[in-house]
Amino acid sequence: MGRLKKQSIATFICFISTALSQYSDDFSRNTIWPLAVAAFDKNPQICINSGLPDGQLKRKIEVKCDFLNETCSGYTASSKASNGIILAFSGSTGNEGPLEILSILFEKQAQFPGGGLVAEFFYRTFFNIWNAGMKDDFLTLRQKFPDYQVWITGHSLGAAMATLAATYITQTGYVSGTQVKLITYGEPRNGDATYASRINDMLPFAYRVVHDNDIVPQVPLDVENYEHHRTEIWYPNAMAVGDPFVVCRGNEDRNCSKGIPISKWNPGAHTLYFNIDIEKYQHSGCVYA
């Protein structure tokens, strides 16, 4: 390994060691966000390496996820430098994401293992990916690296699946909740108050990043037996480098995105995170211009 690459990895480890105890914009922006966006790509390895210089993709799984015949996906990866196993998820590869999110308002909820109700659409899609090979890949990595942290992420529908994954692997005893680091972006509500409370109890490191008036975290409506889990990280700005963020209180803090009136909800904010369009960021190899 070249000297410059060794120095790069050493610097990476230095800021990661401080980032894992609480939310860090640097860790989220430059490590976890590229891993989330990698799930959208046919070749996740490119964006994985943007977030983790030594990251190694194990496999990407794709399944049909909706009536429009679009695909949803998830991948597993690992990093020896950061002692991490990665699970990342993405929703539809087309433009139907908001339709998928809104459609669950009309679907029934499913009983989640251990208690609580979750949107059946999220439940079905997560387990389709999990049972299509992700479970086997994850358990193989866990057997090889039993002491590694498990980092889980996703955007939009992928964020919902990431949260279900974090809850499920903790509930089933595959990993301790203290080993899980969950950071999601533009996450919709997943389930009811009982399910949200279970996430809060099991996962001490769980953050939902929300860009300003992004519409998707507002749905399904909380009057439809849905409630967010904590902790929301709200950026009421462009999310440029140096922009401040708010660490919100409880599950549904009205001083954060919860307090934005319906007339201000913005679909455009959902595809613009960290001051760059998601598709543009993906096509650049997850490099900020």
C-alpha atoms as a PDB file:
ATOM      1  CA  MET A   1       0.000   0.000   0.000  1.00  0.00           C
ATOM      2  CA  GLY A   2       1.388   3.420  -0.966  1.00  0.00           C
ATOM      3  CA  ARG A   3       2.390   5.995   1.631  1.00  0.00           C
ATOM      4  CA  LEU A   4      -0.334   8.469   0.633  1.00  0.00           C
ATOM      5  CA  LYS A   5      -3.030   5.802   0.797  1.00  0.00           C
ATOM      6  CA  LYS A   6      -1.812   4.745   4.278  1.00  0.00           C
ATOM      7  CA  GLN A   7      -1.955   8.368   5.440  1.00  0.00           C
ATOM      8  CA  SER A   8      -5.459   8.735   3.987  1.00  0.00           C
ATOM      9  CA  ILE A   9      -6.719   5.681   5.857  1.00  0.00           C
ATOM     10  CA  ALA A  10      -5.003   6.796   9.086  1.00  0.00           C
ATOM     11  CA  THR A  11      -6.734  10.176   8.892  1.00  0.00           C
ATOM     12  CA  PHE A  12     -10.028   8.436   8.140  1.00  0.00           C
ATOM     13  CA  ILE A  13      -9.693   6.229  11.252  1.00  0.00           C
ATOM     14  CA  CYS A  14      -8.845   9.239  13.413  1.00  0.00           C
ATOM     15  CA  PHE A  15     -12.101  11.102  12.770  1.00  0.00           C
ATOM     16  CA  ILE A  16     -14.176   7.911  12.766  1.00  0.00           C
ATOM     17  CA  SER A  17     -13.064   7.090  16.331  1.00  0.00           C
ATOM     18  CA  THR A  18     -14.638  10.321  17.569  1.00  0.00           C
ATOM     19  CA  ALA A  19     -17.659  10.180  15.258  1.00  0.00           C
ATOM     20  CA  LEU A  20     -19.113   6.938  16.538  1.00  0.00           C
ATOM     21  CA  SER A  21     -20.173   8.260  19.957  1.00  0.00           C
ATOM     22  CA  GLN A  22     -22.538  10.940  18.631  1.00  0.00           C
ATOM     23  CA  TYR A  23     -23.774  12.441  15.364  1.00  0.00           C
ATOM     24  CA  SER A  24     -20.994  14.028  13.321  1.00  0.00           C
ATOM     25  CA  ASP A  25     -21.612  16.019  10.155  1.00  0.00           C
ATOM     26  CA  ASP A  26     -18.197  14.980   8.849  1.00  0.00           C
ATOM     27  CA  PHE A  27     -18.803  11.268   9.413  1.00  0.00           C
ATOM     28  CA  SER A  28     -22.334  11.456   8.001  1.00  0.00           C
ATOM     29  CA  ARG A  29     -21.445  13.608   4.984  1.00  0.00           C
ATOM     30  CA  ASN A  30     -18.171  11.982   3.963  1.00  0.00           C
ATOM     31  CA  THR A  31     -18.508   8.360   5.089  1.00  0.00           C
ATOM     32  CA  ILE A  32     -22.098   7.211   5.556  1.00  0.00           C
ATOM     33  CA  TRP A  33     -23.768   9.288   2.825  1.00  0.00           C
ATOM     34  CA  PRO A  34     -21.560   7.826   0.050  1.00  0.00           C
ATOM     35  CA  LEU A  35     -22.415   4.352   1.370  1.00  0.00           C
ATOM     36  CA  ALA A  36     -26.130   5.167   1.168  1.00  0.00           C
ATOM     37  CA  VAL A  37     -25.860   6.513  -2.387  1.00  0.00           C
ATOM     38  CA  ALA A  38     -23.777   3.486  -3.423  1.00  0.00           C
ATOM     39  CA  ALA A  39     -26.914   1.361  -3.045  1.00  0.00           C
ATOM     40  CA  PHE A  40     -28.454   3.134  -6.066  1.00  0.00           C
ATOM     41  CA  ASP A  41     -25.525   2.276  -8.337  1.00  0.00           C
ATOM     42  CA  LYS A  42     -25.102  -0.781 -10.543  1.00  0.00           C
ATOM     43  CA  ASN A  43     -21.525  -0.858  -9.256  1.00  0.00           C
ATOM     44  CA  PRO A  44     -21.665   0.132  -5.564  1.00  0.00           C
ATOM     45  CA  GLN A  45     -17.911  -0.306  -5.157  1.00  0.00           C
ATOM     46  CA  ILE A  46     -17.163   3.134  -6.630  1.00  0.00           C
ATOM     47  CA  CYS A  47     -19.145   5.086  -4.036  1.00  0.00           C
ATOM     48  CA  ILE A  48     -18.174   2.650  -1.287  1.00  0.00           C
ATOM     49  CA  ASN A  49     -14.549   3.606  -1.867  1.00  0.00           C
ATOM     50  CA  SER A  50     -15.457   7.274  -1.650  1.00  0.00           C
ATOM     51  CA  GLY A  51     -16.700   6.725   1.905  1.00  0.00           C
ATOM     52  CA  LEU A  52     -14.376   3.897   2.901  1.00  0.00           C
ATOM     53  CA  PRO A  53     -11.001   3.855   1.101  1.00  0.00           C
ATOM     54  CA  ASP A  54     -10.513   0.154   1.857  1.00  0.00           C
ATOM     55  CA  GLY A  55     -14.189  -0.859   1.697  1.00  0.00           C
ATOM     56  CA  GLN A  56     -14.945  -4.161  -0.017  1.00  0.00           C
ATOM     57  CA  LEU A  57     -18.332  -4.950  -1.540  1.00  0.00           C
ATOM     58  CA  LYS A  58     -19.528  -8.483  -0.824  1.00  0.00           C
ATOM     59  CA  ARG A  59     -22.690  -8.549  -2.914  1.00  0.00           C
ATOM     60  CA  LYS A  60     -25.597  -6.424  -4.099  1.00  0.00           C
ATOM     61  CA  ILE A  61     -29.083  -7.968  -4.038  1.00  0.00           C
ATOM     62  CA  GLU A  62     -31.918  -6.723  -6.277  1.00  0.00           C
ATOM     63  CA  VAL A  63     -35.596  -7.656  -6.006  1.00  0.00           C
ATOM     64  CA  LYS A  64     -38.869  -6.459  -7.490  1.00  0.00           C
ATOM     65  CA  CYS A  65     -40.326  -3.973  -5.045  1.00  0.00           C
ATOM     66  CA  ASP A  66     -43.576  -2.595  -6.455  1.00  0.00           C
ATOM     67  CA  PHE A  67     -46.389  -2.933  -8.947  1.00  0.00           C
ATOM     68  CA  LEU A  68     -44.511  -0.772 -11.467  1.00  0.00           C
ATOM     69  CA  ASN A  69     -41.913  -3.535 -11.835  1.00  0.00           C
ATOM     70  CA  GLU A  70     -39.141  -1.375 -10.414  1.00  0.00           C
ATOM     71  CA  THR A  71     -36.338  -2.857  -8.348  1.00  0.00           C
ATOM     72  CA  CYS A  72     -35.208  -2.268  -4.797  1.00  0.00           C
ATOM     73  CA  SER A  73     -31.797  -3.328  -3.602  1.00  0.00           C
ATOM     74  CA  GLY A  74     -29.401  -3.744  -0.753  1.00  0.00           C
ATOM     75  CA  TYR A  75     -25.754  -4.626  -0.407  1.00  0.00           C
ATOM     76  CA  THR A  76     -23.269  -5.826   2.180  1.00  0.00           C
ATOM     77  CA  ALA A  77     -19.683  -4.657   2.475  1.00  0.00           C
ATOM     78  CA  SER A  78     -16.890  -4.486   5.018  1.00  0.00           C
ATOM     79  CA  SER A  79     -13.934  -2.328   5.991  1.00  0.00           C
ATOM     80  CA  LYS A  80     -10.971  -3.594   7.997  1.00  0.00           C
ATOM     81  CA  ALA A  81      -9.632  -0.084   8.554  1.00  0.00           C
ATOM     82  CA  SER A  82     -12.837   1.022  10.273  1.00  0.00           C
ATOM     83  CA  ASN A  83     -13.787  -2.378  11.758  1.00  0.00           C
ATOM     84  CA  GLY A  84     -17.180  -2.104  10.112  1.00  0.00           C
ATOM     85  CA  ILE A  85     -19.737  -4.271   8.341  1.00  0.00           C
ATOM     86  CA  ILE A  86     -22.050  -2.237   6.117  1.00  0.00           C
ATOM     87  CA  LEU A  87     -25.678  -2.863   5.180  1.00  0.00           C
ATOM     88  CA  ALA A  88     -27.150  -0.324   2.769  1.00  0.00           C
ATOM     89  CA  PHE A  89     -30.504  -0.183   0.996  1.00  0.00           C
ATOM     90  CA  SER A  90     -32.133   1.701  -1.858  1.00  0.00           C
ATOM     91  CA  GLY A  91     -35.686   2.013  -3.093  1.00  0.00           C
ATOM     92  CA  SER A  92     -36.978   2.228  -6.636  1.00  0.00           C
ATOM     93  CA  THR A  93     -34.416   2.860  -9.350  1.00  0.00           C
ATOM     94  CA  GLY A  94     -36.999   4.886 -11.267  1.00  0.00           C
ATOM     95  CA  ASN A  95     -38.870   8.070 -10.397  1.00  0.00           C
ATOM     96  CA  GLU A  96     -41.661   6.417  -8.439  1.00  0.00           C
ATOM     97  CA  GLY A  97     -40.181   6.848  -4.948  1.00  0.00           C
ATOM     98  CA  PRO A  98     -42.762   9.375  -3.682  1.00  0.00           C
ATOM     99  CA  LEU A  99     -45.589   7.233  -5.093  1.00  0.00           C
ATOM    100  CA  GLU A 100     -44.275   4.227  -3.204  1.00  0.00           C
ATOM    101  CA  ILE A 101     -44.076   6.175   0.034  1.00  0.00           C
ATOM    102  CA  LEU A 102     -47.562   7.633  -0.338  1.00  0.00           C
ATOM    103  CA  SER A 103     -49.102   4.330  -1.404  1.00  0.00           C
ATOM    104  CA  ILE A 104     -48.494   2.731   1.978  1.00  0.00           C
ATOM    105  CA  LEU A 105     -51.108   5.055   3.470  1.00  0.00           C
ATOM    106  CA  PHE A 106     -53.631   2.684   1.915  1.00  0.00           C
ATOM    107  CA  GLU A 107     -51.973  -0.562   2.942  1.00  0.00           C
ATOM    108  CA  LYS A 108     -52.338  -2.467   6.161  1.00  0.00           C
ATOM    109  CA  GLN A 109     -49.585  -2.718   8.726  1.00  0.00           C
ATOM    110  CA  ALA A 110     -47.676  -5.889   9.554  1.00  0.00           C
ATOM    111  CA  GLN A 111     -46.656  -7.214  12.960  1.00  0.00           C
ATOM    112  CA  PHE A 112     -42.896  -6.839  13.311  1.00  0.00           C
ATOM    113  CA  PRO A 113     -40.912  -9.535  15.163  1.00  0.00           C
ATOM    114  CA  GLY A 114     -40.697  -8.566  18.821  1.00  0.00           C
ATOM    115  CA  GLY A 115     -43.641  -6.175  18.783  1.00  0.00           C
ATOM    116  CA  GLY A 116     -45.033  -3.138  17.048  1.00  0.00           C
ATOM    117  CA  LEU A 117     -46.648  -2.569  13.670  1.00  0.00           C
ATOM    118  CA  VAL A 118     -44.805  -1.462  10.541  1.00  0.00           C
ATOM    119  CA  ALA A 119     -45.919  -0.555   7.028  1.00  0.00           C
ATOM    120  CA  GLU A 120     -46.507  -3.800   5.161  1.00  0.00           C
ATOM    121  CA  PHE A 121     -44.809  -2.419   2.031  1.00  0.00           C
ATOM    122  CA  PHE A 122     -41.589  -1.716   3.953  1.00  0.00           C
ATOM    123  CA  TYR A 123     -41.828  -5.059   5.747  1.00  0.00           C
ATOM    124  CA  ARG A 124     -42.336  -7.024   2.544  1.00  0.00           C
ATOM    125  CA  THR A 125     -39.571  -5.271   0.618  1.00  0.00           C
ATOM    126  CA  PHE A 126     -36.975  -5.573   3.385  1.00  0.00           C
ATOM    127  CA  PHE A 127     -37.573  -9.286   3.884  1.00  0.00           C
ATOM    128  CA  ASN A 128     -37.518  -9.923   0.129  1.00  0.00           C
ATOM    129  CA  ILE A 129     -33.982  -8.525   0.024  1.00  0.00           C
ATOM    130  CA  TRP A 130     -32.964 -10.154   3.304  1.00  0.00           C
ATOM    131  CA  ASN A 131     -34.126 -13.607   2.237  1.00  0.00           C
ATOM    132  CA  ALA A 132     -32.721 -13.266  -1.302  1.00  0.00           C
ATOM    133  CA  GLY A 133     -29.161 -13.493  -0.002  1.00  0.00           C
ATOM    134  CA  MET A 134     -28.432 -10.530   2.254  1.00  0.00           C
ATOM    135  CA  LYS A 135     -28.970 -12.613   5.392  1.00  0.00           C
ATOM    136  CA  ASP A 136     -26.404 -15.196   4.253  1.00  0.00           C
ATOM    137  CA  ASP A 137     -23.899 -12.514   3.274  1.00  0.00           C
ATOM    138  CA  PHE A 138     -24.350 -10.653   6.555  1.00  0.00           C
ATOM    139  CA  LEU A 139     -23.946 -13.789   8.677  1.00  0.00           C
ATOM    140  CA  THR A 140     -20.829 -14.743   6.714  1.00  0.00           C
ATOM    141  CA  LEU A 141     -19.311 -11.337   7.450  1.00  0.00           C
ATOM    142  CA  ARG A 142     -20.377 -11.539  11.115  1.00  0.00           C
ATOM    143  CA  GLN A 143     -18.686 -14.913  11.461  1.00  0.00           C
ATOM    144  CA  LYS A 144     -15.518 -13.543   9.886  1.00  0.00           C
ATOM    145  CA  PHE A 145     -15.576 -10.239  11.793  1.00  0.00           C
ATOM    146  CA  PRO A 146     -17.532 -10.848  15.036  1.00  0.00           C
ATOM    147  CA  ASP A 147     -16.192  -7.747  16.791  1.00  0.00           C
ATOM    148  CA  TYR A 148     -16.947  -5.285  13.989  1.00  0.00           C
ATOM    149  CA  GLN A 149     -19.520  -2.527  14.269  1.00  0.00           C
ATOM    150  CA  VAL A 150     -22.498  -2.815  11.902  1.00  0.00           C
ATOM    151  CA  TRP A 151     -23.236   0.381   9.983  1.00  0.00           C
ATOM    152  CA  ILE A 152     -26.661   0.553   8.357  1.00  0.00           C
ATOM    153  CA  THR A 153     -27.942   3.248   6.022  1.00  0.00           C
ATOM    154  CA  GLY A 154     -30.258   4.188   3.181  1.00  0.00           C
ATOM    155  CA  HIS A 155     -32.194   7.041   1.613  1.00  0.00           C
ATOM    156  CA  SER A 156     -36.008   7.311   1.317  1.00  0.00           C
ATOM    157  CA  LEU A 157     -37.507   3.816   1.016  1.00  0.00           C
ATOM    158  CA  GLY A 158     -33.956   2.577   1.551  1.00  0.00           C
ATOM    159  CA  ALA A 159     -33.932   4.465   4.849  1.00  0.00           C
ATOM    160  CA  ALA A 160     -37.080   2.659   5.981  1.00  0.00           C
ATOM    161  CA  MET A 161     -35.566  -0.712   5.086  1.00  0.00           C
ATOM    162  CA  ALA A 162     -32.331   0.227   6.854  1.00  0.00           C
ATOM    163  CA  THR A 163     -34.258   0.940  10.040  1.00  0.00           C
ATOM    164  CA  LEU A 164     -36.138  -2.348   9.809  1.00  0.00           C
ATOM    165  CA  ALA A 165     -32.823  -4.125   9.238  1.00  0.00           C
ATOM    166  CA  ALA A 166     -31.205  -2.516  12.280  1.00  0.00           C
ATOM    167  CA  THR A 167     -34.196  -3.395  14.446  1.00  0.00           C
ATOM    168  CA  TYR A 168     -34.437  -6.942  13.121  1.00  0.00           C
ATOM    169  CA  ILE A 169     -30.790  -7.980  13.508  1.00  0.00           C
ATOM    170  CA  THR A 170     -30.806  -6.597  17.046  1.00  0.00           C
ATOM    171  CA  GLN A 171     -34.139  -8.177  17.983  1.00  0.00           C
ATOM    172  CA  THR A 172     -33.054 -11.597  16.694  1.00  0.00           C
ATOM    173  CA  GLY A 173     -29.733 -11.462  18.538  1.00  0.00           C
ATOM    174  CA  TYR A 174     -27.493 -11.440  15.480  1.00  0.00           C
ATOM    175  CA  VAL A 175     -25.780  -8.392  16.943  1.00  0.00           C
ATOM    176  CA  SER A 176     -25.951  -6.249  20.064  1.00  0.00           C
ATOM    177  CA  GLY A 177     -27.708  -2.913  19.706  1.00  0.00           C
ATOM    178  CA  THR A 178     -24.563  -1.189  20.987  1.00  0.00           C
ATOM    179  CA  GLN A 179     -22.694  -2.479  17.930  1.00  0.00           C
ATOM    180  CA  VAL A 180     -25.171  -0.951  15.467  1.00  0.00           C
ATOM    181  CA  LYS A 181     -24.749   2.508  13.942  1.00  0.00           C
ATOM    182  CA  LEU A 182     -27.880   3.572  12.038  1.00  0.00           C
ATOM    183  CA  ILE A 183     -27.889   6.780   9.991  1.00  0.00           C
ATOM    184  CA  THR A 184     -30.636   7.347   7.427  1.00  0.00           C
ATOM    185  CA  TYR A 185     -31.567  10.153   5.045  1.00  0.00           C
ATOM    186  CA  GLY A 186     -35.063  11.329   4.125  1.00  0.00           C
ATOM    187  CA  GLU A 187     -36.641   8.496   6.104  1.00  0.00           C
ATOM    188  CA  PRO A 188     -40.448   8.162   6.095  1.00  0.00           C
ATOM    189  CA  ARG A 189     -42.297   7.021   9.177  1.00  0.00           C
ATOM    190  CA  ASN A 190     -41.957   3.232   9.454  1.00  0.00           C
ATOM    191  CA  GLY A 191     -44.498   2.061  11.981  1.00  0.00           C
ATOM    192  CA  ASP A 192     -46.516   2.759  15.091  1.00  0.00           C
ATOM    193  CA  ALA A 193     -45.533   4.228  18.470  1.00  0.00           C
ATOM    194  CA  THR A 194     -44.753   0.799  19.927  1.00  0.00           C
ATOM    195  CA  TYR A 195     -42.311   0.060  17.128  1.00  0.00           C
ATOM    196  CA  ALA A 196     -40.721   3.518  17.441  1.00  0.00           C
ATOM    197  CA  SER A 197     -40.225   2.972  21.182  1.00  0.00           C
ATOM    198  CA  ARG A 198     -38.527  -0.367  20.519  1.00  0.00           C
ATOM    199  CA  ILE A 199     -36.054   1.309  18.182  1.00  0.00           C
ATOM    200  CA  ASN A 200     -35.322   3.930  20.827  1.00  0.00           C
ATOM    201  CA  ASP A 201     -34.753   1.246  23.461  1.00  0.00           C
ATOM    202  CA  MET A 202     -32.629  -1.105  21.340  1.00  0.00           C
ATOM    203  CA  LEU A 203     -30.511   1.286  19.272  1.00  0.00           C
ATOM    204  CA  PRO A 204     -28.600   3.962  21.195  1.00  0.00           C
ATOM    205  CA  PHE A 205     -26.994   5.220  17.952  1.00  0.00           C
ATOM    206  CA  ALA A 206     -29.870   5.887  15.533  1.00  0.00           C
ATOM    207  CA  TYR A 207     -30.107   9.139  13.568  1.00  0.00           C
ATOM    208  CA  ARG A 208     -32.575  10.307  10.916  1.00  0.00           C
ATOM    209  CA  VAL A 209     -31.062  13.078   8.805  1.00  0.00           C
ATOM    210  CA  VAL A 210     -33.687  15.410   7.310  1.00  0.00           C
ATOM    211  CA  HIS A 211     -33.036  18.136   4.763  1.00  0.00           C
ATOM    212  CA  ASP A 212     -35.134  21.193   5.609  1.00  0.00           C
ATOM    213  CA  ASN A 213     -38.702  20.728   4.281  1.00  0.00           C
ATOM    214  CA  ASP A 214     -38.208  17.321   2.615  1.00  0.00           C
ATOM    215  CA  ILE A 215     -41.708  15.925   2.098  1.00  0.00           C
ATOM    216  CA  VAL A 216     -40.959  12.230   2.615  1.00  0.00           C
ATOM    217  CA  PRO A 217     -40.229  12.340   6.382  1.00  0.00           C
ATOM    218  CA  GLN A 218     -43.727  13.835   6.744  1.00  0.00           C
ATOM    219  CA  VAL A 219     -45.384  10.634   5.493  1.00  0.00           C
ATOM    220  CA  PRO A 220     -47.183   8.439   6.295  1.00  0.00           C
ATOM    221  CA  LEU A 221     -49.105  11.001   8.331  1.00  0.00           C
ATOM    222  CA  ASP A 222     -48.824  10.561  12.077  1.00  0.00           C
ATOM    223  CA  VAL A 223     -52.621  10.415  12.292  1.00  0.00           C
ATOM    224  CA  GLU A 224     -52.481   7.113  10.366  1.00  0.00           C
ATOM    225  CA  ASN A 225     -50.958   5.193  13.320  1.00  0.00           C
ATOM    226  CA  TYR A 226     -47.388   6.061  12.377  1.00  0.00           C
ATOM    227  CA  GLU A 227     -44.702   7.696  14.502  1.00  0.00           C
ATOM    228  CA  HIS A 228     -41.032   8.480  13.930  1.00  0.00           C
ATOM    229  CA  HIS A 229     -38.269   7.087  16.094  1.00  0.00           C
ATOM    230  CA  ARG A 230     -35.569   9.347  17.466  1.00  0.00           C
ATOM    231  CA  THR A 231     -33.167  11.067  16.853  1.00  0.00           C
ATOM    232  CA  GLU A 232     -33.876  13.493  14.022  1.00  0.00           C
ATOM    233  CA  ILE A 233     -30.943  15.554  12.754  1.00  0.00           C
ATOM    234  CA  TRP A 234     -32.505  18.525  10.993  1.00  0.00           C
ATOM    235  CA  TYR A 235     -30.689  20.796   8.560  1.00  0.00           C
ATOM    236  CA  PRO A 236     -32.929  23.868   7.991  1.00  0.00           C
ATOM    237  CA  ASN A 237     -30.609  25.067   5.218  1.00  0.00           C
ATOM    238  CA  ALA A 238     -28.834  23.892   2.046  1.00  0.00           C
ATOM    239  CA  MET A 239     -26.678  21.376   3.980  1.00  0.00           C
ATOM    240  CA  ALA A 240     -23.508  22.954   2.616  1.00  0.00           C
ATOM    241  CA  VAL A 241     -20.227  22.327   4.424  1.00  0.00           C
ATOM    242  CA  GLY A 242     -20.327  24.237   7.688  1.00  0.00           C
ATOM    243  CA  ASP A 243     -24.107  24.678   7.750  1.00  0.00           C
ATOM    244  CA  PRO A 244     -25.552  24.144  11.248  1.00  0.00           C
ATOM    245  CA  PHE A 245     -27.899  21.322  12.158  1.00  0.00           C
ATOM    246  CA  VAL A 246     -30.345  20.715  14.993  1.00  0.00           C
ATOM    247  CA  VAL A 247     -30.284  17.634  17.220  1.00  0.00           C
ATOM    248  CA  CYS A 248     -34.023  17.268  17.785  1.00  0.00           C
ATOM    249  CA  ARG A 249     -35.773  16.134  20.947  1.00  0.00           C
ATOM    250  CA  GLY A 250     -37.908  13.017  21.240  1.00  0.00           C
ATOM    251  CA  ASN A 251     -39.634  11.283  18.343  1.00  0.00           C
ATOM    252  CA  GLU A 252     -41.615  14.165  16.831  1.00  0.00           C
ATOM    253  CA  ASP A 253     -40.059  17.525  17.739  1.00  0.00           C
ATOM    254  CA  ARG A 254     -42.252  20.411  16.565  1.00  0.00           C
ATOM    255  CA  ASN A 255     -39.203  22.672  16.633  1.00  0.00           C
ATOM    256  CA  CYS A 256     -37.740  20.581  13.810  1.00  0.00           C
ATOM    257  CA  SER A 257     -39.185  19.306  10.511  1.00  0.00           C
ATOM    258  CA  LYS A 258     -42.382  18.246  12.288  1.00  0.00           C
ATOM    259  CA  GLY A 259     -43.274  21.931  12.668  1.00  0.00           C
ATOM    260  CA  ILE A 260     -43.150  22.723   8.931  1.00  0.00           C
ATOM    261  CA  PRO A 261     -46.653  23.470   7.553  1.00  0.00           C
ATOM    262  CA  ILE A 262     -48.031  21.256   4.786  1.00  0.00           C
ATOM    263  CA  SER A 263     -47.912  24.149   2.317  1.00  0.00           C
ATOM    264  CA  LYS A 264     -44.113  24.193   2.660  1.00  0.00           C
ATOM    265  CA  TRP A 265     -43.446  20.466   2.174  1.00  0.00           C
ATOM    266  CA  ASN A 266     -41.057  20.136  -0.758  1.00  0.00           C
ATOM    267  CA  PRO A 267     -40.427  17.034  -2.931  1.00  0.00           C
ATOM    268  CA  GLY A 268     -37.348  18.758  -4.361  1.00  0.00           C
ATOM    269  CA  ALA A 269     -35.615  18.761  -0.998  1.00  0.00           C
ATOM    270  CA  HIS A 270     -35.823  14.973  -0.954  1.00  0.00           C
ATOM    271  CA  THR A 271     -33.311  14.577  -3.783  1.00  0.00           C
ATOM    272  CA  LEU A 272     -30.955  17.307  -2.605  1.00  0.00           C
ATOM    273  CA  TYR A 273     -28.791  16.293   0.340  1.00  0.00           C
ATOM    274  CA  PHE A 274     -25.500  17.841   1.417  1.00  0.00           C
ATOM    275  CA  ASN A 275     -25.986  20.604  -1.143  1.00  0.00           C
ATOM    276  CA  ILE A 276     -25.841  18.341  -4.193  1.00  0.00           C
ATOM    277  CA  ASP A 277     -28.430  16.439  -6.235  1.00  0.00           C
ATOM    278  CA  ILE A 278     -28.323  12.734  -5.385  1.00  0.00           C
ATOM    279  CA  GLU A 279     -28.231  11.568  -9.010  1.00  0.00           C
ATOM    280  CA  LYS A 280     -25.447  14.010  -9.862  1.00  0.00           C
ATOM    281  CA  TYR A 281     -23.501  12.908  -6.789  1.00  0.00           C
ATOM    282  CA  GLN A 282     -23.922   9.244  -7.704  1.00  0.00           C
ATOM    283  CA  HIS A 283     -22.782   9.759 -11.289  1.00  0.00           C
ATOM    284  CA  SER A 284     -19.701  11.642 -10.079  1.00  0.00           C
ATOM    285  CA  GLY A 285     -18.582   8.570  -8.152  1.00  0.00           C
ATOM    286  CA  CYS A 286     -19.772  10.181  -4.910  1.00  0.00           C
ATOM    287  CA  VAL A 287     -17.253  12.996  -5.139  1.00  0.00           C
ATOM    288  CA  TYR A 288     -18.326  16.510  -4.193  1.00  0.00           C
ATOM    289  CA  ALA A 289     -17.718  18.979  -7.004  1.00  0.00           C
END
